[in-house]
């Protein structure tokens, strides 16, 4: 059986059972749970400080009506961040490289923000489809354009996350294959390629964190428009 570079994005199976659900549940096992102790360890303190800082920064531009979304957005950010980082380990699988999973996260969250705006402030939400001061002749065209851009938002969320992670994983695998291929024949060039591979890994770590943050940040911007 010949393997291709895209086989790394296939969901692994054991006895015909896909392990995607196990990969999604792994971040919840890593994070410690709350307990009744007066003193906690440094990891729990750092975790609590990080989550509080992120939640405060995320909810700062949103009014009090949207603050009830803080738990959902923070939990989503934590899950995406841990899944992206764990997917960089050897012999692991990254569920966020699957477009179906990303769209399954993007569409319901985007739809919830739209429905929240239509329920709480329908006039303002529908007013976003037509900018103020638009000439009458351009009104139908702008309404169509703004409606299309509104429905493209979840697609952009899912495709952005999938494309960035997929491109990074492919580039790392191509570079690592070049290192192993050049090692017996040209060791010096293989060493230089290995340095590039190390830098690419650091870059992919940054991309994994940034893409998780961007996904949740764009959702918060959509929420800010509808609250």
N, C-alpha and C. Protein backbone atom coordinates (compact mmCIF):
# COMPACT_ATOMS: atom_id res chain seq x y z
N UNK A 1 0.86 -1.20 0.00
CA UNK A 1 0.00 0.00 0.00
C UNK A 1 0.89 1.24 0.00
N UNK A 2 0.74 2.08 -1.01
CA UNK A 2 1.52 3.30 -1.13
C UNK A 2 0.80 4.44 -0.42
N UNK A 3 1.53 5.12 0.47
CA UNK A 3 0.96 6.24 1.21
C UNK A 3 1.24 7.54 0.48
N UNK A 4 0.33 8.48 0.58
CA UNK A 4 0.49 9.80 0.00
C UNK A 4 0.62 10.83 1.11
N UNK A 5 0.97 12.06 0.72
CA UNK A 5 1.12 13.11 1.72
C UNK A 5 -0.21 13.47 2.38
N UNK A 6 -1.32 13.21 1.70
CA UNK A 6 -2.62 13.58 2.23
C UNK A 6 -3.20 12.51 3.14
N UNK A 7 -2.53 11.38 3.28
CA UNK A 7 -3.03 10.34 4.18
C UNK A 7 -2.96 10.76 5.64
N UNK A 8 -2.11 11.75 5.94
CA UNK A 8 -2.02 12.21 7.33
C UNK A 8 -3.29 12.92 7.77
N UNK A 9 -4.12 13.35 6.83
CA UNK A 9 -5.35 14.05 7.17
C UNK A 9 -6.55 13.11 7.24
N UNK A 10 -6.35 11.83 7.03
CA UNK A 10 -7.43 10.86 7.17
C UNK A 10 -7.63 10.52 8.63
N UNK A 11 -8.88 10.40 9.03
CA UNK A 11 -9.19 10.08 10.42
C UNK A 11 -8.72 8.67 10.75
N UNK A 12 -7.86 8.49 11.76
CA UNK A 12 -7.39 7.14 12.11
C UNK A 12 -8.51 6.29 12.68
N UNK A 13 -8.41 5.00 12.48
CA UNK A 13 -9.43 4.07 12.95
C UNK A 13 -8.77 2.88 13.64
N UNK A 14 -9.46 2.36 14.62
CA UNK A 14 -9.08 1.12 15.29
C UNK A 14 -10.30 0.21 15.30
N UNK A 15 -10.17 -0.94 14.66
CA UNK A 15 -11.28 -1.89 14.54
C UNK A 15 -12.49 -1.25 13.87
N UNK A 16 -12.21 -0.35 12.91
CA UNK A 16 -13.28 0.30 12.18
C UNK A 16 -13.93 1.45 12.92
N UNK A 17 -13.44 1.80 14.10
CA UNK A 17 -14.03 2.90 14.90
C UNK A 17 -13.15 4.13 14.72
N UNK A 18 -13.69 5.24 14.21
CA UNK A 18 -12.88 6.46 14.05
C UNK A 18 -12.49 7.04 15.40
N UNK A 19 -11.28 7.58 15.45
CA UNK A 19 -10.74 8.12 16.69
C UNK A 19 -10.86 9.65 16.76
N UNK A 20 -11.69 10.23 15.89
CA UNK A 20 -11.83 11.69 15.90
C UNK A 20 -12.42 12.17 17.22
N UNK A 21 -13.42 11.45 17.73
CA UNK A 21 -14.06 11.86 18.99
C UNK A 21 -13.04 11.82 20.13
N UNK A 22 -12.17 10.81 20.14
CA UNK A 22 -11.13 10.72 21.17
C UNK A 22 -10.17 11.90 21.07
N UNK A 23 -9.83 12.30 19.84
CA UNK A 23 -8.94 13.45 19.65
C UNK A 23 -9.59 14.74 20.11
N UNK A 24 -10.91 14.84 19.96
CA UNK A 24 -11.61 16.05 20.40
C UNK A 24 -11.73 16.11 21.92
N UNK A 25 -11.80 14.95 22.57
CA UNK A 25 -11.96 14.91 24.02
C UNK A 25 -10.63 15.00 24.76
N UNK A 26 -9.51 14.83 24.06
CA UNK A 26 -8.21 14.84 24.72
C UNK A 26 -7.90 16.15 25.44
N UNK A 27 -8.21 17.35 24.88
CA UNK A 27 -7.90 18.59 25.63
C UNK A 27 -8.57 18.66 26.99
N UNK A 28 -9.78 18.10 27.13
CA UNK A 28 -10.46 18.14 28.42
C UNK A 28 -9.76 17.28 29.46
N UNK A 29 -9.00 16.28 29.02
CA UNK A 29 -8.27 15.43 29.97
C UNK A 29 -7.02 16.14 30.47
N UNK A 30 -6.41 16.97 29.61
CA UNK A 30 -5.16 17.63 29.97
C UNK A 30 -5.40 18.72 31.01
N UNK A 31 -6.45 19.50 30.86
CA UNK A 31 -6.69 20.62 31.75
C UNK A 31 -7.17 20.12 33.11
N UNK A 32 -6.59 20.61 34.20
CA UNK A 32 -7.05 20.18 35.53
C UNK A 32 -8.43 20.76 35.86
N UNK A 33 -9.19 20.03 36.64
CA UNK A 33 -10.52 20.47 37.04
C UNK A 33 -10.45 21.25 38.34
N UNK A 34 -11.51 21.99 38.64
CA UNK A 34 -11.56 22.76 39.87
C UNK A 34 -11.70 21.82 41.07
N UNK A 35 -11.08 22.22 42.18
CA UNK A 35 -11.19 21.44 43.41
C UNK A 35 -11.47 22.37 44.57
N UNK A 36 -11.61 21.81 45.76
CA UNK A 36 -11.97 22.59 46.95
C UNK A 36 -10.75 22.97 47.79
N UNK A 37 -9.56 22.83 47.26
CA UNK A 37 -8.36 23.17 48.03
C UNK A 37 -8.18 24.68 48.12
N UNK A 38 -7.60 25.11 49.23
CA UNK A 38 -7.32 26.53 49.39
C UNK A 38 -6.19 26.98 48.48
N UNK A 39 -5.18 26.13 48.33
CA UNK A 39 -4.04 26.44 47.50
C UNK A 39 -4.00 25.49 46.31
N UNK A 40 -3.69 26.02 45.15
CA UNK A 40 -3.57 25.20 43.95
C UNK A 40 -2.13 25.25 43.45
N UNK A 41 -1.82 24.39 42.50
CA UNK A 41 -0.46 24.38 41.97
C UNK A 41 -0.26 25.50 40.96
N UNK A 42 0.96 25.64 40.50
CA UNK A 42 1.29 26.75 39.60
C UNK A 42 0.59 26.61 38.25
N UNK A 43 0.42 25.37 37.78
CA UNK A 43 -0.21 25.16 36.49
C UNK A 43 -1.67 25.60 36.53
N UNK A 44 -2.38 25.28 37.61
CA UNK A 44 -3.79 25.70 37.73
C UNK A 44 -3.89 27.22 37.84
N UNK A 45 -2.96 27.84 38.57
CA UNK A 45 -2.97 29.29 38.70
C UNK A 45 -2.71 29.96 37.35
N UNK A 46 -1.73 29.45 36.62
CA UNK A 46 -1.42 30.00 35.29
C UNK A 46 -2.60 29.79 34.34
N UNK A 47 -3.23 28.63 34.41
CA UNK A 47 -4.38 28.38 33.56
C UNK A 47 -5.52 29.35 33.85
N UNK A 48 -5.82 29.56 35.13
CA UNK A 48 -6.89 30.47 35.51
C UNK A 48 -6.59 31.90 35.10
N UNK A 49 -5.32 32.33 35.28
CA UNK A 49 -4.95 33.69 34.89
C UNK A 49 -5.06 33.89 33.38
N UNK A 50 -4.63 32.89 32.61
CA UNK A 50 -4.68 32.98 31.15
C UNK A 50 -6.12 33.06 30.66
N UNK A 51 -6.98 32.21 31.19
CA UNK A 51 -8.38 32.20 30.76
C UNK A 51 -9.07 33.51 31.14
N UNK A 52 -8.79 34.02 32.34
CA UNK A 52 -9.40 35.29 32.75
C UNK A 52 -8.93 36.45 31.88
N UNK A 53 -7.64 36.47 31.57
CA UNK A 53 -7.12 37.55 30.72
C UNK A 53 -7.70 37.49 29.32
N UNK A 54 -7.79 36.29 28.76
CA UNK A 54 -8.35 36.15 27.42
C UNK A 54 -9.82 36.53 27.39
N UNK A 55 -10.58 36.08 28.39
CA UNK A 55 -12.01 36.40 28.43
C UNK A 55 -12.24 37.90 28.59
N UNK A 56 -11.44 38.53 29.42
CA UNK A 56 -11.56 39.98 29.61
C UNK A 56 -11.25 40.73 28.33
N UNK A 57 -10.19 40.33 27.64
CA UNK A 57 -9.81 40.97 26.39
C UNK A 57 -10.86 40.75 25.30
N UNK A 58 -11.46 39.56 25.28
CA UNK A 58 -12.43 39.22 24.24
C UNK A 58 -13.75 39.93 24.46
N UNK A 59 -14.18 40.06 25.71
CA UNK A 59 -15.49 40.64 26.02
C UNK A 59 -15.44 42.14 26.21
N UNK A 60 -14.25 42.75 26.15
CA UNK A 60 -14.13 44.19 26.42
C UNK A 60 -14.93 45.03 25.44
N UNK A 61 -14.87 44.80 24.11
CA UNK A 61 -15.65 45.66 23.20
C UNK A 61 -17.13 45.27 23.07
N UNK A 62 -17.56 44.21 23.72
CA UNK A 62 -18.94 43.74 23.61
C UNK A 62 -19.73 44.22 24.81
N UNK A 63 -20.99 44.64 24.58
CA UNK A 63 -21.81 45.12 25.68
C UNK A 63 -22.24 43.98 26.58
N UNK A 64 -22.94 44.30 27.66
CA UNK A 64 -23.28 43.31 28.67
C UNK A 64 -24.22 42.23 28.15
N UNK A 65 -24.98 42.53 27.11
CA UNK A 65 -25.88 41.51 26.56
C UNK A 65 -25.10 40.33 25.99
N UNK A 66 -23.94 40.60 25.40
CA UNK A 66 -23.15 39.54 24.80
C UNK A 66 -22.19 38.86 25.75
N UNK A 67 -22.12 39.30 27.03
CA UNK A 67 -21.19 38.70 27.96
C UNK A 67 -21.59 37.28 28.34
N UNK A 68 -22.83 36.91 28.09
CA UNK A 68 -23.25 35.54 28.38
C UNK A 68 -22.61 34.54 27.41
N UNK A 69 -21.99 35.05 26.35
CA UNK A 69 -21.29 34.20 25.39
C UNK A 69 -19.85 33.92 25.82
N UNK A 70 -19.42 34.48 26.93
CA UNK A 70 -18.01 34.37 27.31
C UNK A 70 -17.59 32.92 27.55
N UNK A 71 -18.44 32.14 28.19
CA UNK A 71 -18.08 30.74 28.48
C UNK A 71 -17.97 29.95 27.18
N UNK A 72 -18.90 30.19 26.25
CA UNK A 72 -18.90 29.45 24.99
C UNK A 72 -17.65 29.78 24.18
N UNK A 73 -17.36 31.07 24.03
CA UNK A 73 -16.22 31.48 23.21
C UNK A 73 -14.88 31.07 23.84
N UNK A 74 -14.78 31.21 25.16
CA UNK A 74 -13.54 30.81 25.83
C UNK A 74 -13.32 29.31 25.73
N UNK A 75 -14.39 28.54 25.91
CA UNK A 75 -14.26 27.08 25.79
C UNK A 75 -13.89 26.68 24.37
N UNK A 76 -14.48 27.35 23.38
CA UNK A 76 -14.16 27.06 21.99
C UNK A 76 -12.71 27.40 21.68
N UNK A 77 -12.24 28.53 22.20
CA UNK A 77 -10.85 28.93 22.01
C UNK A 77 -9.90 27.90 22.63
N UNK A 78 -10.20 27.46 23.83
CA UNK A 78 -9.35 26.48 24.50
C UNK A 78 -9.31 25.16 23.74
N UNK A 79 -10.47 24.71 23.27
CA UNK A 79 -10.52 23.44 22.54
C UNK A 79 -9.73 23.52 21.24
N UNK A 80 -9.94 24.58 20.47
CA UNK A 80 -9.23 24.72 19.20
C UNK A 80 -7.73 24.84 19.42
N UNK A 81 -7.34 25.60 20.44
CA UNK A 81 -5.92 25.79 20.71
C UNK A 81 -5.24 24.47 21.06
N UNK A 82 -5.85 23.70 21.94
CA UNK A 82 -5.25 22.44 22.36
C UNK A 82 -5.24 21.42 21.22
N UNK A 83 -6.31 21.37 20.44
CA UNK A 83 -6.37 20.42 19.31
C UNK A 83 -5.29 20.76 18.29
N UNK A 84 -5.12 22.05 17.98
CA UNK A 84 -4.11 22.46 17.01
C UNK A 84 -2.69 22.14 17.49
N UNK A 85 -2.43 22.37 18.78
CA UNK A 85 -1.10 22.13 19.30
C UNK A 85 -0.81 20.63 19.45
N UNK A 86 -1.80 19.87 19.90
CA UNK A 86 -1.60 18.43 20.05
C UNK A 86 -1.41 17.76 18.69
N UNK A 87 -2.00 18.35 17.65
CA UNK A 87 -1.87 17.77 16.32
C UNK A 87 -0.47 17.88 15.74
N UNK A 88 0.40 18.69 16.37
CA UNK A 88 1.77 18.83 15.90
C UNK A 88 2.70 17.76 16.48
N UNK A 89 2.21 17.01 17.44
CA UNK A 89 3.03 15.94 18.00
C UNK A 89 3.13 14.77 17.03
N UNK A 90 4.20 13.99 17.10
CA UNK A 90 4.32 12.83 16.19
C UNK A 90 3.23 11.79 16.47
N UNK A 91 2.82 11.13 15.41
CA UNK A 91 1.83 10.06 15.48
C UNK A 91 0.52 10.52 16.09
N UNK A 92 0.12 11.74 15.77
CA UNK A 92 -1.17 12.28 16.23
C UNK A 92 -2.00 12.70 15.03
N UNK A 93 -3.24 13.04 15.31
CA UNK A 93 -4.18 13.44 14.27
C UNK A 93 -4.76 14.79 14.65
N UNK A 94 -4.88 15.69 13.68
CA UNK A 94 -5.43 17.03 13.91
C UNK A 94 -6.85 17.10 13.35
N UNK A 95 -7.88 17.06 14.18
CA UNK A 95 -9.26 17.10 13.67
C UNK A 95 -9.59 18.39 12.94
N UNK A 96 -8.91 19.50 13.28
CA UNK A 96 -9.23 20.78 12.65
C UNK A 96 -8.71 20.90 11.23
N UNK A 97 -8.02 19.88 10.73
CA UNK A 97 -7.67 19.86 9.30
C UNK A 97 -8.84 19.34 8.46
N UNK A 98 -9.90 18.90 9.11
CA UNK A 98 -11.09 18.42 8.40
C UNK A 98 -12.07 19.58 8.21
N UNK A 99 -12.41 19.86 6.97
CA UNK A 99 -13.33 20.96 6.68
C UNK A 99 -14.71 20.71 7.29
N UNK A 100 -15.12 19.45 7.35
CA UNK A 100 -16.44 19.14 7.90
C UNK A 100 -16.54 19.54 9.37
N UNK A 101 -15.48 19.29 10.14
CA UNK A 101 -15.49 19.68 11.55
C UNK A 101 -15.50 21.19 11.70
N UNK A 102 -14.66 21.88 10.95
CA UNK A 102 -14.59 23.34 11.06
C UNK A 102 -15.90 24.00 10.64
N UNK A 103 -16.52 23.49 9.59
CA UNK A 103 -17.81 24.04 9.18
C UNK A 103 -18.89 23.70 10.20
N UNK A 104 -18.76 22.54 10.83
CA UNK A 104 -19.70 22.17 11.88
C UNK A 104 -19.59 23.06 13.10
N UNK A 105 -18.42 23.66 13.31
CA UNK A 105 -18.27 24.64 14.38
C UNK A 105 -18.65 26.04 13.93
N UNK A 106 -18.31 26.40 12.69
CA UNK A 106 -18.50 27.78 12.22
C UNK A 106 -19.96 28.09 11.95
N UNK A 107 -20.66 27.20 11.26
CA UNK A 107 -22.04 27.50 10.85
C UNK A 107 -22.98 27.69 12.05
N UNK A 108 -23.03 26.77 13.03
CA UNK A 108 -23.94 27.00 14.17
C UNK A 108 -23.60 28.25 14.97
N UNK A 109 -22.30 28.52 15.20
CA UNK A 109 -21.93 29.70 15.97
C UNK A 109 -22.28 30.97 15.22
N UNK A 110 -22.01 31.01 13.91
CA UNK A 110 -22.38 32.19 13.12
C UNK A 110 -23.89 32.37 13.08
N UNK A 111 -24.62 31.29 12.89
CA UNK A 111 -26.08 31.36 12.84
C UNK A 111 -26.65 31.83 14.17
N UNK A 112 -26.03 31.41 15.27
CA UNK A 112 -26.50 31.85 16.58
C UNK A 112 -26.33 33.35 16.77
N UNK A 113 -25.20 33.91 16.28
CA UNK A 113 -25.02 35.37 16.39
C UNK A 113 -26.03 36.12 15.53
N UNK A 114 -26.32 35.59 14.33
CA UNK A 114 -27.30 36.24 13.46
C UNK A 114 -28.70 36.19 14.08
N UNK A 115 -29.08 35.05 14.61
CA UNK A 115 -30.40 34.91 15.22
C UNK A 115 -30.52 35.76 16.48
N UNK A 116 -29.40 35.90 17.21
CA UNK A 116 -29.41 36.77 18.39
C UNK A 116 -29.69 38.22 18.00
N UNK A 117 -29.04 38.67 16.92
CA UNK A 117 -29.29 40.03 16.45
C UNK A 117 -30.70 40.23 15.95
N UNK A 118 -31.24 39.25 15.20
CA UNK A 118 -32.60 39.37 14.69
C UNK A 118 -33.63 39.34 15.80
N UNK A 119 -33.32 38.68 16.91
CA UNK A 119 -34.27 38.62 18.01
C UNK A 119 -34.21 39.88 18.88
N UNK A 120 -32.99 40.36 19.18
CA UNK A 120 -32.85 41.48 20.10
C UNK A 120 -33.01 42.83 19.41
N UNK A 121 -32.44 42.98 18.23
CA UNK A 121 -32.51 44.26 17.51
C UNK A 121 -32.66 44.00 16.02
N UNK A 122 -33.85 43.61 15.58
CA UNK A 122 -34.03 43.24 14.16
C UNK A 122 -33.77 44.40 13.21
N UNK A 123 -34.15 45.61 13.60
CA UNK A 123 -33.97 46.75 12.70
C UNK A 123 -32.49 47.04 12.45
N UNK A 124 -31.71 47.03 13.52
CA UNK A 124 -30.28 47.30 13.38
C UNK A 124 -29.57 46.19 12.60
N UNK A 125 -29.97 44.95 12.85
CA UNK A 125 -29.34 43.83 12.16
C UNK A 125 -29.63 43.87 10.66
N UNK A 126 -30.87 44.14 10.31
CA UNK A 126 -31.22 44.25 8.88
C UNK A 126 -30.63 45.51 8.26
N UNK A 127 -30.39 46.53 9.09
CA UNK A 127 -29.79 47.76 8.58
C UNK A 127 -28.36 47.58 8.12
N UNK A 128 -27.67 46.54 8.59
CA UNK A 128 -26.31 46.27 8.14
C UNK A 128 -26.26 45.86 6.67
N UNK A 129 -27.39 45.42 6.14
CA UNK A 129 -27.43 45.02 4.73
C UNK A 129 -27.45 46.21 3.79
N UNK A 130 -27.73 47.39 4.31
CA UNK A 130 -27.79 48.60 3.47
C UNK A 130 -27.09 49.74 4.19
N UNK A 131 -25.88 50.12 3.77
CA UNK A 131 -25.17 51.23 4.41
C UNK A 131 -25.95 52.53 4.30
N UNK A 132 -25.76 53.37 5.29
CA UNK A 132 -26.47 54.65 5.32
C UNK A 132 -25.95 55.58 4.22
N UNK A 133 -26.86 56.29 3.58
CA UNK A 133 -26.50 57.22 2.52
C UNK A 133 -26.32 56.59 1.16
N UNK A 134 -26.78 55.36 0.98
CA UNK A 134 -26.64 54.67 -0.31
C UNK A 134 -27.62 55.26 -1.33
N UNK A 135 -27.18 55.56 -2.55
CA UNK A 135 -28.12 56.04 -3.58
C UNK A 135 -29.20 55.00 -3.86
N UNK A 136 -30.36 55.49 -4.29
CA UNK A 136 -31.50 54.59 -4.50
C UNK A 136 -31.21 53.57 -5.59
N UNK A 137 -30.50 53.98 -6.64
CA UNK A 137 -30.23 53.05 -7.74
C UNK A 137 -29.33 51.89 -7.31
N UNK A 138 -28.47 52.14 -6.34
CA UNK A 138 -27.55 51.10 -5.89
C UNK A 138 -28.12 50.25 -4.75
N UNK A 139 -29.29 50.59 -4.27
CA UNK A 139 -29.86 49.88 -3.13
C UNK A 139 -30.04 48.38 -3.38
N UNK A 140 -30.68 47.94 -4.47
CA UNK A 140 -30.84 46.48 -4.67
C UNK A 140 -29.51 45.75 -4.81
N UNK A 141 -28.55 46.38 -5.50
CA UNK A 141 -27.26 45.72 -5.71
C UNK A 141 -26.51 45.56 -4.39
N UNK A 142 -26.51 46.61 -3.56
CA UNK A 142 -25.79 46.55 -2.29
C UNK A 142 -26.45 45.56 -1.34
N UNK A 143 -27.76 45.48 -1.37
CA UNK A 143 -28.44 44.51 -0.49
C UNK A 143 -28.04 43.09 -0.88
N UNK A 144 -27.96 42.82 -2.18
CA UNK A 144 -27.57 41.49 -2.64
C UNK A 144 -26.12 41.20 -2.25
N UNK A 145 -25.24 42.19 -2.44
CA UNK A 145 -23.82 42.00 -2.12
C UNK A 145 -23.63 41.77 -0.62
N UNK A 146 -24.30 42.56 0.21
CA UNK A 146 -24.16 42.42 1.66
C UNK A 146 -24.76 41.10 2.14
N UNK A 147 -25.83 40.64 1.49
CA UNK A 147 -26.42 39.35 1.87
C UNK A 147 -25.47 38.21 1.53
N UNK A 148 -24.84 38.29 0.36
CA UNK A 148 -23.88 37.25 -0.02
C UNK A 148 -22.69 37.25 0.93
N UNK A 149 -22.19 38.43 1.27
CA UNK A 149 -21.06 38.51 2.20
C UNK A 149 -21.43 37.99 3.58
N UNK A 150 -22.70 38.16 3.96
CA UNK A 150 -23.14 37.65 5.25
C UNK A 150 -23.12 36.13 5.27
N UNK A 151 -23.55 35.51 4.18
CA UNK A 151 -23.60 34.05 4.13
C UNK A 151 -22.22 33.43 3.84
N UNK A 152 -21.28 34.24 3.39
CA UNK A 152 -19.93 33.73 3.13
C UNK A 152 -19.11 33.66 4.43
N UNK A 153 -19.54 34.38 5.46
CA UNK A 153 -18.77 34.44 6.70
C UNK A 153 -18.46 33.07 7.30
N UNK A 154 -19.44 32.18 7.49
CA UNK A 154 -19.09 30.86 8.06
C UNK A 154 -18.16 30.05 7.16
N UNK A 155 -18.33 30.20 5.84
CA UNK A 155 -17.44 29.50 4.91
C UNK A 155 -16.02 30.00 5.06
N UNK A 156 -15.87 31.31 5.22
CA UNK A 156 -14.53 31.89 5.40
C UNK A 156 -13.91 31.42 6.71
N UNK A 157 -14.72 31.30 7.76
CA UNK A 157 -14.20 30.83 9.05
C UNK A 157 -13.65 29.41 8.94
N UNK A 158 -14.46 28.52 8.36
CA UNK A 158 -14.04 27.12 8.27
C UNK A 158 -12.89 26.91 7.31
N UNK A 159 -12.94 27.55 6.15
CA UNK A 159 -11.90 27.35 5.14
C UNK A 159 -10.58 27.94 5.61
N UNK A 160 -10.61 29.09 6.29
CA UNK A 160 -9.37 29.71 6.76
C UNK A 160 -8.64 28.77 7.73
N UNK A 161 -9.37 28.23 8.69
CA UNK A 161 -8.74 27.35 9.66
C UNK A 161 -8.22 26.08 9.01
N UNK A 162 -9.02 25.50 8.12
CA UNK A 162 -8.61 24.27 7.45
C UNK A 162 -7.39 24.49 6.55
N UNK A 163 -7.43 25.55 5.76
CA UNK A 163 -6.36 25.79 4.79
C UNK A 163 -5.02 26.07 5.48
N UNK A 164 -5.03 26.87 6.53
CA UNK A 164 -3.77 27.21 7.20
C UNK A 164 -3.14 26.00 7.87
N UNK A 165 -3.94 25.20 8.55
CA UNK A 165 -3.38 24.03 9.21
C UNK A 165 -2.95 22.97 8.21
N UNK A 166 -3.75 22.77 7.16
CA UNK A 166 -3.40 21.78 6.15
C UNK A 166 -2.11 22.16 5.44
N UNK A 167 -1.97 23.42 5.07
CA UNK A 167 -0.76 23.88 4.38
C UNK A 167 0.47 23.71 5.27
N UNK A 168 0.34 24.04 6.54
CA UNK A 168 1.47 23.89 7.45
C UNK A 168 1.90 22.45 7.63
N UNK A 169 0.93 21.55 7.80
CA UNK A 169 1.26 20.14 7.98
C UNK A 169 1.90 19.56 6.72
N UNK A 170 1.38 19.94 5.56
CA UNK A 170 1.96 19.45 4.30
C UNK A 170 3.39 19.95 4.13
N UNK A 171 3.62 21.21 4.44
CA UNK A 171 4.96 21.77 4.29
C UNK A 171 5.95 21.09 5.23
N UNK A 172 5.52 20.81 6.46
CA UNK A 172 6.40 20.12 7.40
C UNK A 172 6.70 18.71 6.92
N UNK A 173 5.70 18.01 6.41
CA UNK A 173 5.94 16.64 5.93
C UNK A 173 6.84 16.62 4.70
N UNK A 174 6.65 17.57 3.79
CA UNK A 174 7.52 17.64 2.62
C UNK A 174 8.97 17.92 3.02
N UNK A 175 9.15 18.84 3.96
CA UNK A 175 10.51 19.17 4.40
C UNK A 175 11.15 18.00 5.13
N UNK A 176 10.39 17.32 5.98
CA UNK A 176 10.95 16.16 6.69
C UNK A 176 11.29 15.03 5.73
N UNK A 177 10.49 14.85 4.69
CA UNK A 177 10.81 13.84 3.67
C UNK A 177 12.11 14.20 2.95
N UNK A 178 12.31 15.49 2.67
CA UNK A 178 13.55 15.93 2.03
C UNK A 178 14.75 15.69 2.92
N UNK A 179 14.59 15.88 4.23
CA UNK A 179 15.70 15.64 5.17
C UNK A 179 16.12 14.18 5.14
N UNK A 180 15.14 13.27 5.19
CA UNK A 180 15.46 11.84 5.18
C UNK A 180 16.04 11.39 3.84
N UNK A 181 15.58 12.01 2.76
CA UNK A 181 16.07 11.63 1.43
C UNK A 181 17.50 12.09 1.20
N UNK A 182 17.82 13.30 1.67
CA UNK A 182 19.16 13.86 1.43
C UNK A 182 20.19 13.39 2.43
N UNK A 183 19.77 12.80 3.54
CA UNK A 183 20.72 12.42 4.59
C UNK A 183 21.79 11.43 4.12
N UNK A 184 21.47 10.37 3.37
CA UNK A 184 22.54 9.44 2.95
C UNK A 184 23.48 10.01 1.88
N UNK A 185 22.97 10.91 1.06
CA UNK A 185 23.77 11.38 -0.08
C UNK A 185 24.44 12.72 0.19
N UNK A 186 23.68 13.70 0.67
CA UNK A 186 24.22 15.04 0.91
C UNK A 186 23.93 15.43 2.36
N UNK A 187 24.76 15.01 3.30
CA UNK A 187 24.47 15.29 4.73
C UNK A 187 24.43 16.78 5.06
N UNK A 188 25.30 17.56 4.40
CA UNK A 188 25.33 19.01 4.70
C UNK A 188 24.02 19.67 4.31
N UNK A 189 23.55 19.38 3.11
CA UNK A 189 22.27 19.94 2.67
C UNK A 189 21.12 19.41 3.53
N UNK A 190 21.22 18.17 3.98
CA UNK A 190 20.19 17.61 4.85
C UNK A 190 20.16 18.34 6.19
N UNK A 191 21.33 18.73 6.71
CA UNK A 191 21.40 19.48 7.96
C UNK A 191 20.77 20.85 7.81
N UNK A 192 21.05 21.51 6.69
CA UNK A 192 20.43 22.82 6.45
C UNK A 192 18.92 22.70 6.32
N UNK A 193 18.47 21.64 5.67
CA UNK A 193 17.03 21.42 5.54
C UNK A 193 16.40 21.13 6.90
N UNK A 194 17.16 20.46 7.77
CA UNK A 194 16.65 20.17 9.11
C UNK A 194 16.47 21.46 9.91
N UNK A 195 17.39 22.41 9.70
CA UNK A 195 17.24 23.71 10.37
C UNK A 195 15.97 24.41 9.88
N UNK A 196 15.74 24.34 8.58
CA UNK A 196 14.51 24.92 8.02
C UNK A 196 13.28 24.22 8.60
N UNK A 197 13.37 22.91 8.77
CA UNK A 197 12.26 22.15 9.36
C UNK A 197 12.00 22.59 10.79
N UNK A 198 13.05 22.85 11.54
CA UNK A 198 12.89 23.33 12.92
C UNK A 198 12.20 24.69 12.95
N UNK A 199 12.61 25.58 12.04
CA UNK A 199 11.98 26.90 11.98
C UNK A 199 10.52 26.79 11.53
N UNK A 200 10.24 25.88 10.61
CA UNK A 200 8.85 25.67 10.17
C UNK A 200 7.99 25.15 11.31
N UNK A 201 8.56 24.31 12.14
CA UNK A 201 7.80 23.79 13.28
C UNK A 201 7.45 24.91 14.26
N UNK A 202 8.39 25.80 14.51
CA UNK A 202 8.11 26.94 15.38
C UNK A 202 7.04 27.83 14.75
N UNK A 203 7.14 28.04 13.43
CA UNK A 203 6.14 28.84 12.74
C UNK A 203 4.76 28.19 12.83
N UNK A 204 4.72 26.86 12.71
CA UNK A 204 3.44 26.16 12.77
C UNK A 204 2.85 26.21 14.17
N UNK A 205 3.69 26.24 15.18
CA UNK A 205 3.18 26.45 16.54
C UNK A 205 2.48 27.80 16.67
N UNK A 206 3.10 28.82 16.09
CA UNK A 206 2.48 30.15 16.12
C UNK A 206 1.19 30.16 15.32
N UNK A 207 1.19 29.52 14.16
CA UNK A 207 -0.01 29.47 13.33
C UNK A 207 -1.14 28.75 14.06
N UNK A 208 -0.82 27.66 14.76
CA UNK A 208 -1.84 26.92 15.49
C UNK A 208 -2.51 27.79 16.55
N UNK A 209 -1.72 28.59 17.24
CA UNK A 209 -2.29 29.47 18.27
C UNK A 209 -3.04 30.64 17.65
N UNK A 210 -2.46 31.23 16.60
CA UNK A 210 -3.08 32.41 15.99
C UNK A 210 -4.41 32.05 15.32
N UNK A 211 -4.47 30.92 14.64
CA UNK A 211 -5.70 30.55 13.94
C UNK A 211 -6.83 30.25 14.91
N UNK A 212 -6.52 29.65 16.04
CA UNK A 212 -7.56 29.43 17.05
C UNK A 212 -8.07 30.76 17.59
N UNK A 213 -7.16 31.70 17.82
CA UNK A 213 -7.56 33.01 18.31
C UNK A 213 -8.36 33.78 17.27
N UNK A 214 -7.94 33.71 16.02
CA UNK A 214 -8.64 34.43 14.94
C UNK A 214 -10.06 33.89 14.76
N UNK A 215 -10.21 32.58 14.84
CA UNK A 215 -11.54 31.96 14.70
C UNK A 215 -12.51 32.51 15.74
N UNK A 216 -12.07 32.54 16.99
CA UNK A 216 -12.93 33.03 18.06
C UNK A 216 -13.08 34.55 18.00
N UNK A 217 -12.03 35.25 17.61
CA UNK A 217 -12.10 36.71 17.51
C UNK A 217 -13.12 37.15 16.46
N UNK A 218 -13.14 36.49 15.32
CA UNK A 218 -14.12 36.84 14.28
C UNK A 218 -15.53 36.55 14.75
N UNK A 219 -15.71 35.46 15.49
CA UNK A 219 -17.04 35.19 16.05
C UNK A 219 -17.46 36.28 17.03
N UNK A 220 -16.52 36.77 17.83
CA UNK A 220 -16.85 37.85 18.75
C UNK A 220 -17.19 39.14 18.02
N UNK A 221 -16.54 39.38 16.87
CA UNK A 221 -16.88 40.56 16.07
C UNK A 221 -18.27 40.44 15.48
N UNK A 222 -18.63 39.24 15.02
CA UNK A 222 -19.98 39.02 14.53
C UNK A 222 -21.00 39.20 15.65
N UNK A 223 -20.64 38.75 16.84
CA UNK A 223 -21.53 38.92 18.00
C UNK A 223 -21.66 40.39 18.36
N UNK A 224 -20.56 41.14 18.24
CA UNK A 224 -20.60 42.56 18.57
C UNK A 224 -21.54 43.33 17.63
N UNK A 225 -21.61 42.90 16.38
CA UNK A 225 -22.51 43.56 15.43
C UNK A 225 -23.98 43.30 15.74
N UNK A 226 -24.26 42.21 16.43
CA UNK A 226 -25.65 41.81 16.64
C UNK A 226 -26.11 41.96 18.09
N UNK A 227 -25.32 42.63 18.92
CA UNK A 227 -25.75 42.86 20.30
C UNK A 227 -25.70 44.34 20.63
